[in-house]
Amino acid sequence: MTAFADTPDLSPMQQFEVDYSALRRRTQMGWLVASVIFLAMFTFSAWLGDFFKVTQVTMPDGAREWRWIIPAGIPRLGEFIAKTLPELSWETLSADLANWFWRWKIWLNLLVETILIAFMATTLGVIGGFLLSFPAARNLAPNKTVLWVSRRYLEIARTVPELVWALIFVFCFSVGPMAGVLAIGLHATGALGKLYSEVNENIDMRPLEGVKAAGGTWFDQIRYGAVPQVLPNIISYTLLRFEINVRASSIIGYVGAGGLGQEFREALSLQEYTDLSALFIIIFVTVIVIDYGSEKLRHRVIGLEKGPSA
């Protein structure tokens, strides 16, 4: 049965135009229905998220009036940012900067700890994600049971947020960097395992079939047929994840898992808003340096040491 019924007494060109018009109407109707469904879901989600909430706010003269929460809250954001910015003067710039970064020695030690937590966690995540990515790939899993178990483990590992894992490991092993390493490493295992397995599912299977025809085991097929194909992507995802883990390790210290997070908690508790901006700048510069170094390393590995020529 054809998709479009032929209309009698029409030339092939006229029949094409009729069929095209019918297909276009059906496509437009599909887009219209999908747009209406999306708009309804978006509106309902915004309503659940209090985007349409009306609340009482304090006016400059001290009066209380009802206002829509979004325009009422945006000035508060500017007020918070203004509190985090220190007073800097050109005449006393050196003293102002010293006062702004007054805990720089402590912050530097905690920054090193943060980076080491991220490095150790990324290493554990790469090992776990790499090993589990092959049995979690549909085209490489030795059987359905191994595929199911591998995928469920990776899903559990990445579904639970790092902060929750950190709370669990702090309860088990007390406060300190070890809890942070285990929390981020476990979450990174799930995230990287998912990314690696998707790369594995897009490989060319012919090299693996050649290894199998030569008498190679499943491990030989993975080692000589799959790994060389996916290695560049694995390196890219690993470097990206390391950058993400640096940011994560600077936050999980908020629950006692080591790193700069404990300084964020202390600054918020004591309302030392300028310390928050100083810590943000430290993390921001660190991420820029890591991103630049990761890009150079990735280009060197995949053979793009020089940029594209004009």
C-alpha atoms as a PDB file:
ATOM      1  CA  MET A   1       0.000   0.000   0.000  1.00  0.00           C
ATOM      2  CA  THR A   2       1.529   3.303  -1.083  1.00  0.00           C
ATOM      3  CA  ALA A   3       1.752   6.344   1.160  1.00  0.00           C
ATOM      4  CA  PHE A   4      -0.301   8.467  -1.231  1.00  0.00           C
ATOM      5  CA  ALA A   5      -3.159   7.287  -3.432  1.00  0.00           C
ATOM      6  CA  ASP A   6      -2.885   8.093  -7.129  1.00  0.00           C
ATOM      7  CA  THR A   7      -5.395  10.607  -8.435  1.00  0.00           C
ATOM      8  CA  PRO A   8      -6.741   9.692 -11.883  1.00  0.00           C
ATOM      9  CA  ASP A   9      -6.299  11.963 -14.904  1.00  0.00           C
ATOM     10  CA  LEU A  10      -3.236  13.743 -13.460  1.00  0.00           C
ATOM     11  CA  SER A  11       0.196  14.036 -15.015  1.00  0.00           C
ATOM     12  CA  PRO A  12       3.194  12.768 -13.026  1.00  0.00           C
ATOM     13  CA  MET A  13       4.182  16.361 -12.169  1.00  0.00           C
ATOM     14  CA  GLN A  14       0.682  17.199 -10.979  1.00  0.00           C
ATOM     15  CA  GLN A  15       0.565  13.973  -8.958  1.00  0.00           C
ATOM     16  CA  PHE A  16       3.896  14.903  -7.357  1.00  0.00           C
ATOM     17  CA  GLU A  17       2.570  18.337  -6.397  1.00  0.00           C
ATOM     18  CA  VAL A  18      -0.559  16.806  -4.862  1.00  0.00           C
ATOM     19  CA  ASP A  19       1.469  14.291  -2.870  1.00  0.00           C
ATOM     20  CA  TYR A  20       3.959  16.959  -1.791  1.00  0.00           C
ATOM     21  CA  SER A  21       1.153  19.267  -0.614  1.00  0.00           C
ATOM     22  CA  ALA A  22      -0.397  16.419   1.383  1.00  0.00           C
ATOM     23  CA  LEU A  23       2.965  15.550   2.961  1.00  0.00           C
ATOM     24  CA  ARG A  24       3.609  19.186   3.796  1.00  0.00           C
ATOM     25  CA  ARG A  25       0.203  19.568   5.466  1.00  0.00           C
ATOM     26  CA  ARG A  26       0.817  16.453   7.553  1.00  0.00           C
ATOM     27  CA  THR A  27       4.294  17.688   8.536  1.00  0.00           C
ATOM     28  CA  GLN A  28       2.970  21.104   9.517  1.00  0.00           C
ATOM     29  CA  MET A  29       0.195  19.511  11.538  1.00  0.00           C
ATOM     30  CA  GLY A  30       2.755  17.316  13.305  1.00  0.00           C
ATOM     31  CA  TRP A  31       4.913  20.343  14.151  1.00  0.00           C
ATOM     32  CA  LEU A  32       1.832  22.235  15.357  1.00  0.00           C
ATOM     33  CA  VAL A  33       0.757  19.412  17.660  1.00  0.00           C
ATOM     34  CA  ALA A  34       4.306  18.972  18.981  1.00  0.00           C
ATOM     35  CA  SER A  35       4.625  22.742  19.586  1.00  0.00           C
ATOM     36  CA  VAL A  36       1.329  22.853  21.484  1.00  0.00           C
ATOM     37  CA  ILE A  37       2.372  19.885  23.645  1.00  0.00           C
ATOM     38  CA  PHE A  38       5.791  21.446  24.309  1.00  0.00           C
ATOM     39  CA  LEU A  39       4.245  24.821  25.189  1.00  0.00           C
ATOM     40  CA  ALA A  40       1.763  23.159  27.549  1.00  0.00           C
ATOM     41  CA  MET A  41       4.533  21.173  29.282  1.00  0.00           C
ATOM     42  CA  PHE A  42       6.753  24.259  29.509  1.00  0.00           C
ATOM     43  CA  THR A  43       3.951  26.355  30.989  1.00  0.00           C
ATOM     44  CA  PHE A  44       3.045  23.648  33.504  1.00  0.00           C
ATOM     45  CA  SER A  45       6.706  23.239  34.513  1.00  0.00           C
ATOM     46  CA  ALA A  46       7.062  27.021  34.911  1.00  0.00           C
ATOM     47  CA  TRP A  47       3.965  27.059  37.106  1.00  0.00           C
ATOM     48  CA  LEU A  48       5.350  24.258  39.289  1.00  0.00           C
ATOM     49  CA  GLY A  49       8.643  26.152  39.510  1.00  0.00           C
ATOM     50  CA  ASP A  50       6.882  29.300  40.862  1.00  0.00           C
ATOM     51  CA  PHE A  51       7.754  31.354  37.780  1.00  0.00           C
ATOM     52  CA  PHE A  52       4.259  32.869  37.940  1.00  0.00           C
ATOM     53  CA  LYS A  53       4.300  33.368  41.709  1.00  0.00           C
ATOM     54  CA  VAL A  54       3.168  36.699  43.164  1.00  0.00           C
ATOM     55  CA  THR A  55       4.733  37.619  46.490  1.00  0.00           C
ATOM     56  CA  GLN A  56       5.023  40.545  48.876  1.00  0.00           C
ATOM     57  CA  VAL A  57       8.120  42.720  48.582  1.00  0.00           C
ATOM     58  CA  THR A  58       9.433  45.618  50.622  1.00  0.00           C
ATOM     59  CA  MET A  59       9.434  48.885  48.688  1.00  0.00           C
ATOM     60  CA  PRO A  60      12.102  51.614  49.148  1.00  0.00           C
ATOM     61  CA  ASP A  61       9.735  53.557  51.417  1.00  0.00           C
ATOM     62  CA  GLY A  62       9.219  50.493  53.644  1.00  0.00           C
ATOM     63  CA  ALA A  63       5.750  49.636  52.367  1.00  0.00           C
ATOM     64  CA  ARG A  64       4.819  46.038  51.552  1.00  0.00           C
ATOM     65  CA  GLU A  65       3.238  45.437  48.164  1.00  0.00           C
ATOM     66  CA  TRP A  66       2.389  42.431  46.011  1.00  0.00           C
ATOM     67  CA  ARG A  67       4.683  41.950  43.012  1.00  0.00           C
ATOM     68  CA  TRP A  68       5.494  39.262  40.420  1.00  0.00           C
ATOM     69  CA  ILE A  69       8.449  37.318  41.836  1.00  0.00           C
ATOM     70  CA  ILE A  70      10.753  37.531  38.789  1.00  0.00           C
ATOM     71  CA  PRO A  71      10.950  41.340  38.374  1.00  0.00           C
ATOM     72  CA  ALA A  72      10.905  41.636  42.163  1.00  0.00           C
ATOM     73  CA  GLY A  73      13.824  39.259  42.601  1.00  0.00           C
ATOM     74  CA  ILE A  74      16.141  40.493  39.822  1.00  0.00           C
ATOM     75  CA  PRO A  75      17.163  43.633  41.766  1.00  0.00           C
ATOM     76  CA  ARG A  76      18.037  41.367  44.702  1.00  0.00           C
ATOM     77  CA  LEU A  77      20.458  39.526  42.422  1.00  0.00           C
ATOM     78  CA  GLY A  78      22.185  42.793  41.596  1.00  0.00           C
ATOM     79  CA  GLU A  79      22.262  43.619  45.308  1.00  0.00           C
ATOM     80  CA  PHE A  80      23.945  40.307  46.111  1.00  0.00           C
ATOM     81  CA  ILE A  81      26.551  40.755  43.364  1.00  0.00           C
ATOM     82  CA  ALA A  82      27.264  44.271  44.593  1.00  0.00           C
ATOM     83  CA  LYS A  83      27.935  42.884  48.082  1.00  0.00           C
ATOM     84  CA  THR A  84      30.518  40.449  46.742  1.00  0.00           C
ATOM     85  CA  LEU A  85      32.545  43.164  45.009  1.00  0.00           C
ATOM     86  CA  PRO A  86      35.199  44.795  47.200  1.00  0.00           C
ATOM     87  CA  GLU A  87      35.997  48.486  47.243  1.00  0.00           C
ATOM     88  CA  LEU A  88      39.092  49.004  45.115  1.00  0.00           C
ATOM     89  CA  SER A  89      40.959  52.267  44.746  1.00  0.00           C
ATOM     90  CA  TRP A  90      43.886  52.930  42.420  1.00  0.00           C
ATOM     91  CA  GLU A  91      45.784  54.764  45.132  1.00  0.00           C
ATOM     92  CA  THR A  92      45.497  51.856  47.580  1.00  0.00           C
ATOM     93  CA  LEU A  93      45.123  49.016  45.068  1.00  0.00           C
ATOM     94  CA  SER A  94      47.833  46.827  46.560  1.00  0.00           C
ATOM     95  CA  ALA A  95      46.378  47.057  50.060  1.00  0.00           C
ATOM     96  CA  ASP A  96      42.834  46.535  48.753  1.00  0.00           C
ATOM     97  CA  LEU A  97      43.832  43.392  46.862  1.00  0.00           C
ATOM     98  CA  ALA A  98      45.693  42.090  49.894  1.00  0.00           C
ATOM     99  CA  ASN A  99      42.588  42.678  51.990  1.00  0.00           C
ATOM    100  CA  TRP A 100      40.409  40.997  49.347  1.00  0.00           C
ATOM    101  CA  PHE A 101      42.580  37.855  49.163  1.00  0.00           C
ATOM    102  CA  TRP A 102      43.509  37.958  52.831  1.00  0.00           C
ATOM    103  CA  ARG A 103      43.292  34.149  53.210  1.00  0.00           C
ATOM    104  CA  TRP A 104      45.218  33.390  50.035  1.00  0.00           C
ATOM    105  CA  LYS A 105      47.649  30.979  51.711  1.00  0.00           C
ATOM    106  CA  ILE A 106      44.813  28.858  53.107  1.00  0.00           C
ATOM    107  CA  TRP A 107      42.879  29.098  49.837  1.00  0.00           C
ATOM    108  CA  LEU A 108      45.953  28.063  47.844  1.00  0.00           C
ATOM    109  CA  ASN A 109      46.414  24.940  49.953  1.00  0.00           C
ATOM    110  CA  LEU A 110      42.743  24.091  49.607  1.00  0.00           C
ATOM    111  CA  LEU A 111      42.905  24.745  45.853  1.00  0.00           C
ATOM    112  CA  VAL A 112      45.741  22.227  45.535  1.00  0.00           C
ATOM    113  CA  GLU A 113      43.655  19.789  47.559  1.00  0.00           C
ATOM    114  CA  THR A 114      40.676  20.474  45.293  1.00  0.00           C
ATOM    115  CA  ILE A 115      42.686  19.768  42.142  1.00  0.00           C
ATOM    116  CA  LEU A 116      44.160  16.589  43.627  1.00  0.00           C
ATOM    117  CA  ILE A 117      40.674  15.399  44.593  1.00  0.00           C
ATOM    118  CA  ALA A 118      39.510  16.028  41.031  1.00  0.00           C
ATOM    119  CA  PHE A 119      42.562  14.270  39.582  1.00  0.00           C
ATOM    120  CA  MET A 120      42.201  11.190  41.776  1.00  0.00           C
ATOM    121  CA  ALA A 121      38.451  11.049  41.213  1.00  0.00           C
ATOM    122  CA  THR A 122      38.876  11.410  37.444  1.00  0.00           C
ATOM    123  CA  THR A 123      41.421   8.585  37.461  1.00  0.00           C
ATOM    124  CA  LEU A 124      38.993   6.295  39.295  1.00  0.00           C
ATOM    125  CA  GLY A 125      36.155   7.394  37.024  1.00  0.00           C
ATOM    126  CA  VAL A 126      38.162   6.719  33.865  1.00  0.00           C
ATOM    127  CA  ILE A 127      39.179   3.257  35.043  1.00  0.00           C
ATOM    128  CA  GLY A 128      35.656   2.280  36.054  1.00  0.00           C
ATOM    129  CA  GLY A 129      33.932   3.926  33.100  1.00  0.00           C
ATOM    130  CA  PHE A 130      36.406   2.522  30.579  1.00  0.00           C
ATOM    131  CA  LEU A 131      36.139  -1.048  31.847  1.00  0.00           C
ATOM    132  CA  LEU A 132      32.340  -0.962  32.042  1.00  0.00           C
ATOM    133  CA  SER A 133      31.782   0.877  28.758  1.00  0.00           C
ATOM    134  CA  PHE A 134      32.485  -2.197  26.632  1.00  0.00           C
ATOM    135  CA  PRO A 135      30.035  -4.616  28.308  1.00  0.00           C
ATOM    136  CA  ALA A 136      27.559  -1.678  28.439  1.00  0.00           C
ATOM    137  CA  ALA A 137      27.651  -1.223  24.641  1.00  0.00           C
ATOM    138  CA  ARG A 138      24.952  -3.118  22.756  1.00  0.00           C
ATOM    139  CA  ASN A 139      27.281  -4.125  19.946  1.00  0.00           C
ATOM    140  CA  LEU A 140      30.086  -5.304  22.254  1.00  0.00           C
ATOM    141  CA  ALA A 141      28.389  -6.880  25.273  1.00  0.00           C
ATOM    142  CA  PRO A 142      29.077 -10.641  25.478  1.00  0.00           C
ATOM    143  CA  ASN A 143      25.452 -11.326  26.504  1.00  0.00           C
ATOM    144  CA  LYS A 144      22.243  -9.574  27.544  1.00  0.00           C
ATOM    145  CA  THR A 145      22.756 -10.218  31.256  1.00  0.00           C
ATOM    146  CA  VAL A 146      26.137  -8.500  31.312  1.00  0.00           C
ATOM    147  CA  LEU A 147      24.704  -5.641  29.248  1.00  0.00           C
ATOM    148  CA  TRP A 148      21.790  -5.160  31.661  1.00  0.00           C
ATOM    149  CA  VAL A 149      23.930  -5.291  34.811  1.00  0.00           C
ATOM    150  CA  SER A 150      26.566  -2.909  33.403  1.00  0.00           C
ATOM    151  CA  ARG A 151      24.009  -0.351  32.277  1.00  0.00           C
ATOM    152  CA  ARG A 152      22.066  -0.408  35.550  1.00  0.00           C
ATOM    153  CA  TYR A 153      25.266   0.084  37.555  1.00  0.00           C
ATOM    154  CA  LEU A 154      26.303   3.066  35.435  1.00  0.00           C
ATOM    155  CA  GLU A 155      22.810   4.533  35.719  1.00  0.00           C
ATOM    156  CA  ILE A 156      22.819   4.281  39.516  1.00  0.00           C
ATOM    157  CA  ALA A 157      26.323   5.751  39.748  1.00  0.00           C
ATOM    158  CA  ARG A 158      25.489   8.854  37.706  1.00  0.00           C
ATOM    159  CA  THR A 159      21.891   9.316  38.881  1.00  0.00           C
ATOM    160  CA  VAL A 160      22.868  10.024  42.488  1.00  0.00           C
ATOM    161  CA  PRO A 161      24.402  13.557  42.676  1.00  0.00           C
ATOM    162  CA  GLU A 162      27.940  14.024  43.913  1.00  0.00           C
ATOM    163  CA  LEU A 163      26.715  15.827  47.021  1.00  0.00           C
ATOM    164  CA  VAL A 164      24.584  12.846  48.019  1.00  0.00           C
ATOM    165  CA  TRP A 165      27.439  10.418  47.441  1.00  0.00           C
ATOM    166  CA  ALA A 166      29.649  12.781  49.460  1.00  0.00           C
ATOM    167  CA  LEU A 167      27.192  12.748  52.374  1.00  0.00           C
ATOM    168  CA  ILE A 168      27.125   8.946  52.274  1.00  0.00           C
ATOM    169  CA  PHE A 169      30.915   8.603  52.220  1.00  0.00           C
ATOM    170  CA  VAL A 170      31.364  11.286  54.890  1.00  0.00           C
ATOM    171  CA  PHE A 171      29.061   9.192  57.070  1.00  0.00           C
ATOM    172  CA  CYS A 172      31.131   6.072  56.279  1.00  0.00           C
ATOM    173  CA  PHE A 173      34.679   7.436  56.360  1.00  0.00           C
ATOM    174  CA  SER A 174      34.342  10.742  58.250  1.00  0.00           C
ATOM    175  CA  VAL A 175      35.128  14.173  56.807  1.00  0.00           C
ATOM    176  CA  GLY A 176      38.102  14.685  54.528  1.00  0.00           C
ATOM    177  CA  PRO A 177      39.315  14.399  50.939  1.00  0.00           C
ATOM    178  CA  MET A 178      38.755  10.629  50.774  1.00  0.00           C
ATOM    179  CA  ALA A 179      34.988  11.081  50.844  1.00  0.00           C
ATOM    180  CA  GLY A 180      35.249  13.645  48.052  1.00  0.00           C
ATOM    181  CA  VAL A 181      37.403  11.399  45.887  1.00  0.00           C
ATOM    182  CA  LEU A 182      35.030   8.455  46.252  1.00  0.00           C
ATOM    183  CA  ALA A 183      31.925  10.595  45.669  1.00  0.00           C
ATOM    184  CA  ILE A 184      33.164  12.298  42.510  1.00  0.00           C
ATOM    185  CA  GLY A 185      34.914   9.155  41.272  1.00  0.00           C
ATOM    186  CA  LEU A 186      31.757   7.074  41.533  1.00  0.00           C
ATOM    187  CA  HIS A 187      29.646   9.695  39.785  1.00  0.00           C
ATOM    188  CA  ALA A 188      32.333  10.141  37.110  1.00  0.00           C
ATOM    189  CA  THR A 189      32.329   6.381  36.535  1.00  0.00           C
ATOM    190  CA  GLY A 190      28.649   6.484  35.645  1.00  0.00           C
ATOM    191  CA  ALA A 191      28.937   9.587  33.467  1.00  0.00           C
ATOM    192  CA  LEU A 192      32.070   8.526  31.599  1.00  0.00           C
ATOM    193  CA  GLY A 193      30.838   4.947  31.225  1.00  0.00           C
ATOM    194  CA  LYS A 194      27.739   6.273  29.490  1.00  0.00           C
ATOM    195  CA  LEU A 195      29.748   8.511  27.140  1.00  0.00           C
ATOM    196  CA  TYR A 196      32.330   5.835  26.402  1.00  0.00           C
ATOM    197  CA  SER A 197      29.658   3.206  25.670  1.00  0.00           C
ATOM    198  CA  GLU A 198      27.950   5.528  23.172  1.00  0.00           C
ATOM    199  CA  VAL A 199      31.290   5.966  21.406  1.00  0.00           C
ATOM    200  CA  ASN A 200      31.736   2.190  21.392  1.00  0.00           C
ATOM    201  CA  GLU A 201      28.352   1.677  19.749  1.00  0.00           C
ATOM    202  CA  ASN A 202      29.418   3.809  16.760  1.00  0.00           C
ATOM    203  CA  ILE A 203      32.644   1.985  15.922  1.00  0.00           C
ATOM    204  CA  ASP A 204      33.345  -0.022  12.776  1.00  0.00           C
ATOM    205  CA  MET A 205      32.799  -3.697  13.634  1.00  0.00           C
ATOM    206  CA  ARG A 206      34.918  -5.079  10.784  1.00  0.00           C
ATOM    207  CA  PRO A 207      38.232  -4.929  12.716  1.00  0.00           C
ATOM    208  CA  LEU A 208      36.623  -6.883  15.562  1.00  0.00           C
ATOM    209  CA  GLU A 209      35.286  -9.467  13.127  1.00  0.00           C
ATOM    210  CA  GLY A 210      38.794  -9.836  11.715  1.00  0.00           C
ATOM    211  CA  VAL A 211      40.259 -10.431  15.169  1.00  0.00           C
ATOM    212  CA  LYS A 212      37.499 -12.944  15.911  1.00  0.00           C
ATOM    213  CA  ALA A 213      38.107 -14.762  12.616  1.00  0.00           C
ATOM    214  CA  ALA A 214      41.776 -15.056  13.535  1.00  0.00           C
ATOM    215  CA  GLY A 215      40.808 -16.868  16.733  1.00  0.00           C
ATOM    216  CA  GLY A 216      40.861 -13.906  19.118  1.00  0.00           C
ATOM    217  CA  THR A 217      38.839 -13.891  22.320  1.00  0.00           C
ATOM    218  CA  TRP A 218      36.315 -11.217  23.285  1.00  0.00           C
ATOM    219  CA  PHE A 219      39.049  -9.375  25.172  1.00  0.00           C
ATOM    220  CA  ASP A 220      41.304  -9.543  22.088  1.00  0.00           C
ATOM    221  CA  GLN A 221      38.535  -8.050  19.963  1.00  0.00           C
ATOM    222  CA  ILE A 222      38.149  -5.174  22.413  1.00  0.00           C
ATOM    223  CA  ARG A 223      41.906  -4.623  22.775  1.00  0.00           C
ATOM    224  CA  TYR A 224      42.858  -4.692  19.099  1.00  0.00           C
ATOM    225  CA  GLY A 225      39.594  -3.857  17.337  1.00  0.00           C
ATOM    226  CA  ALA A 226      37.709  -1.372  19.527  1.00  0.00           C
ATOM    227  CA  VAL A 227      40.188   0.506  21.713  1.00  0.00           C
ATOM    228  CA  PRO A 228      42.254   2.023  18.851  1.00  0.00           C
ATOM    229  CA  GLN A 229      39.058   3.432  17.320  1.00  0.00           C
ATOM    230  CA  VAL A 230      37.653   5.018  20.475  1.00  0.00           C
ATOM    231  CA  LEU A 231      40.865   6.242  22.109  1.00  0.00           C
ATOM    232  CA  PRO A 232      40.765   9.858  20.747  1.00  0.00           C
ATOM    233  CA  ASN A 233      37.174  10.333  21.918  1.00  0.00           C
ATOM    234  CA  ILE A 234      37.964   8.797  25.285  1.00  0.00           C
ATOM    235  CA  ILE A 235      40.793  11.280  25.780  1.00  0.00           C
ATOM    236  CA  SER A 236      38.523  14.204  24.871  1.00  0.00           C
ATOM    237  CA  TYR A 237      35.757  13.105  27.253  1.00  0.00           C
ATOM    238  CA  THR A 238      38.293  12.425  30.009  1.00  0.00           C
ATOM    239  CA  LEU A 239      39.811  15.901  29.825  1.00  0.00           C
ATOM    240  CA  LEU A 240      36.360  17.470  29.786  1.00  0.00           C
ATOM    241  CA  ARG A 241      35.355  15.422  32.814  1.00  0.00           C
ATOM    242  CA  PHE A 242      38.476  16.491  34.693  1.00  0.00           C
ATOM    243  CA  GLU A 243      37.451  20.114  34.236  1.00  0.00           C
ATOM    244  CA  ILE A 244      33.939  19.280  35.479  1.00  0.00           C
ATOM    245  CA  ASN A 245      35.360  17.407  38.461  1.00  0.00           C
ATOM    246  CA  VAL A 246      37.466  20.411  39.485  1.00  0.00           C
ATOM    247  CA  ARG A 247      34.283  22.451  39.791  1.00  0.00           C
ATOM    248  CA  ALA A 248      32.507  19.588  41.567  1.00  0.00           C
ATOM    249  CA  SER A 249      35.347  19.093  44.046  1.00  0.00           C
ATOM    250  CA  SER A 250      35.184  22.792  44.918  1.00  0.00           C
ATOM    251  CA  ILE A 251      31.561  22.355  45.964  1.00  0.00           C
ATOM    252  CA  ILE A 252      31.389  18.999  47.764  1.00  0.00           C
ATOM    253  CA  GLY A 253      33.623  20.396  50.475  1.00  0.00           C
ATOM    254  CA  TYR A 254      30.458  22.170  51.571  1.00  0.00           C
ATOM    255  CA  VAL A 255      29.404  18.898  53.234  1.00  0.00           C
ATOM    256  CA  GLY A 256      32.853  18.153  54.646  1.00  0.00           C
ATOM    257  CA  ALA A 257      34.413  16.282  51.734  1.00  0.00           C
ATOM    258  CA  GLY A 258      37.526  18.449  51.460  1.00  0.00           C
ATOM    259  CA  GLY A 259      38.580  21.203  49.083  1.00  0.00           C
ATOM    260  CA  LEU A 260      37.484  24.820  48.745  1.00  0.00           C
ATOM    261  CA  GLY A 261      33.856  24.006  49.439  1.00  0.00           C
ATOM    262  CA  GLN A 262      34.355  24.399  53.169  1.00  0.00           C
ATOM    263  CA  GLU A 263      35.491  27.972  52.549  1.00  0.00           C
ATOM    264  CA  PHE A 264      32.310  28.658  50.580  1.00  0.00           C
ATOM    265  CA  ARG A 265      30.260  27.353  53.485  1.00  0.00           C
ATOM    266  CA  GLU A 266      32.167  29.452  56.005  1.00  0.00           C
ATOM    267  CA  ALA A 267      31.934  32.600  53.877  1.00  0.00           C
ATOM    268  CA  LEU A 268      28.174  32.166  53.445  1.00  0.00           C
ATOM    269  CA  SER A 269      27.648  31.417  57.129  1.00  0.00           C
ATOM    270  CA  LEU A 270      29.600  34.503  58.229  1.00  0.00           C
ATOM    271  CA  GLN A 271      28.199  36.624  55.358  1.00  0.00           C
ATOM    272  CA  GLU A 272      31.706  37.389  54.116  1.00  0.00           C
ATOM    273  CA  TYR A 273      30.498  38.184  50.617  1.00  0.00           C
ATOM    274  CA  THR A 274      33.814  39.528  49.311  1.00  0.00           C
ATOM    275  CA  ASP A 275      35.400  36.195  50.181  1.00  0.00           C
ATOM    276  CA  LEU A 276      32.865  34.535  47.864  1.00  0.00           C
ATOM    277  CA  SER A 277      33.971  36.667  44.922  1.00  0.00           C
ATOM    278  CA  ALA A 278      37.632  35.970  45.710  1.00  0.00           C
ATOM    279  CA  LEU A 279      36.980  32.237  45.789  1.00  0.00           C
ATOM    280  CA  PHE A 280      35.021  32.475  42.547  1.00  0.00           C
ATOM    281  CA  ILE A 281      37.914  34.246  40.829  1.00  0.00           C
ATOM    282  CA  ILE A 282      40.343  31.582  42.060  1.00  0.00           C
ATOM    283  CA  ILE A 283      38.184  28.767  40.696  1.00  0.00           C
ATOM    284  CA  PHE A 284      37.502  30.669  37.472  1.00  0.00           C
ATOM    285  CA  VAL A 285      41.198  31.195  36.752  1.00  0.00           C
ATOM    286  CA  THR A 286      41.924  27.565  37.635  1.00  0.00           C
ATOM    287  CA  VAL A 287      39.276  26.302  35.203  1.00  0.00           C
ATOM    288  CA  ILE A 288      40.649  28.563  32.440  1.00  0.00           C
ATOM    289  CA  VAL A 289      44.169  27.199  32.951  1.00  0.00           C
ATOM    290  CA  ILE A 290      42.935  23.602  33.005  1.00  0.00           C
ATOM    291  CA  ASP A 291      40.805  24.149  29.912  1.00  0.00           C
ATOM    292  CA  TYR A 292      43.758  25.676  28.027  1.00  0.00           C
ATOM    293  CA  GLY A 293      46.085  22.862  29.061  1.00  0.00           C
ATOM    294  CA  SER A 294      43.484  20.217  28.205  1.00  0.00           C
ATOM    295  CA  GLU A 295      42.975  21.692  24.761  1.00  0.00           C
ATOM    296  CA  LYS A 296      46.701  21.688  24.040  1.00  0.00           C
ATOM    297  CA  LEU A 297      47.069  18.112  25.288  1.00  0.00           C
ATOM    298  CA  ARG A 298      44.065  16.908  23.296  1.00  0.00           C
ATOM    299  CA  HIS A 299      45.358  18.525  20.103  1.00  0.00           C
ATOM    300  CA  ARG A 300      48.789  17.002  20.631  1.00  0.00           C
ATOM    301  CA  VAL A 301      47.315  13.531  21.140  1.00  0.00           C
ATOM    302  CA  ILE A 302      45.048  13.630  18.085  1.00  0.00           C
ATOM    303  CA  GLY A 303      47.643  15.325  15.882  1.00  0.00           C
ATOM    304  CA  LEU A 304      46.330  18.905  15.786  1.00  0.00           C
ATOM    305  CA  GLU A 305      49.264  20.675  17.305  1.00  0.00           C
ATOM    306  CA  LYS A 306      48.871  23.574  14.888  1.00  0.00           C
ATOM    307  CA  GLY A 307      45.651  25.407  14.170  1.00  0.00           C
ATOM    308  CA  PRO A 308      44.024  25.374  10.706  1.00  0.00           C
ATOM    309  CA  SER A 309      45.887  27.408   8.131  1.00  0.00           C
ATOM    310  CA  ALA A 310      44.222  30.318   6.403  1.00  0.00           C
END
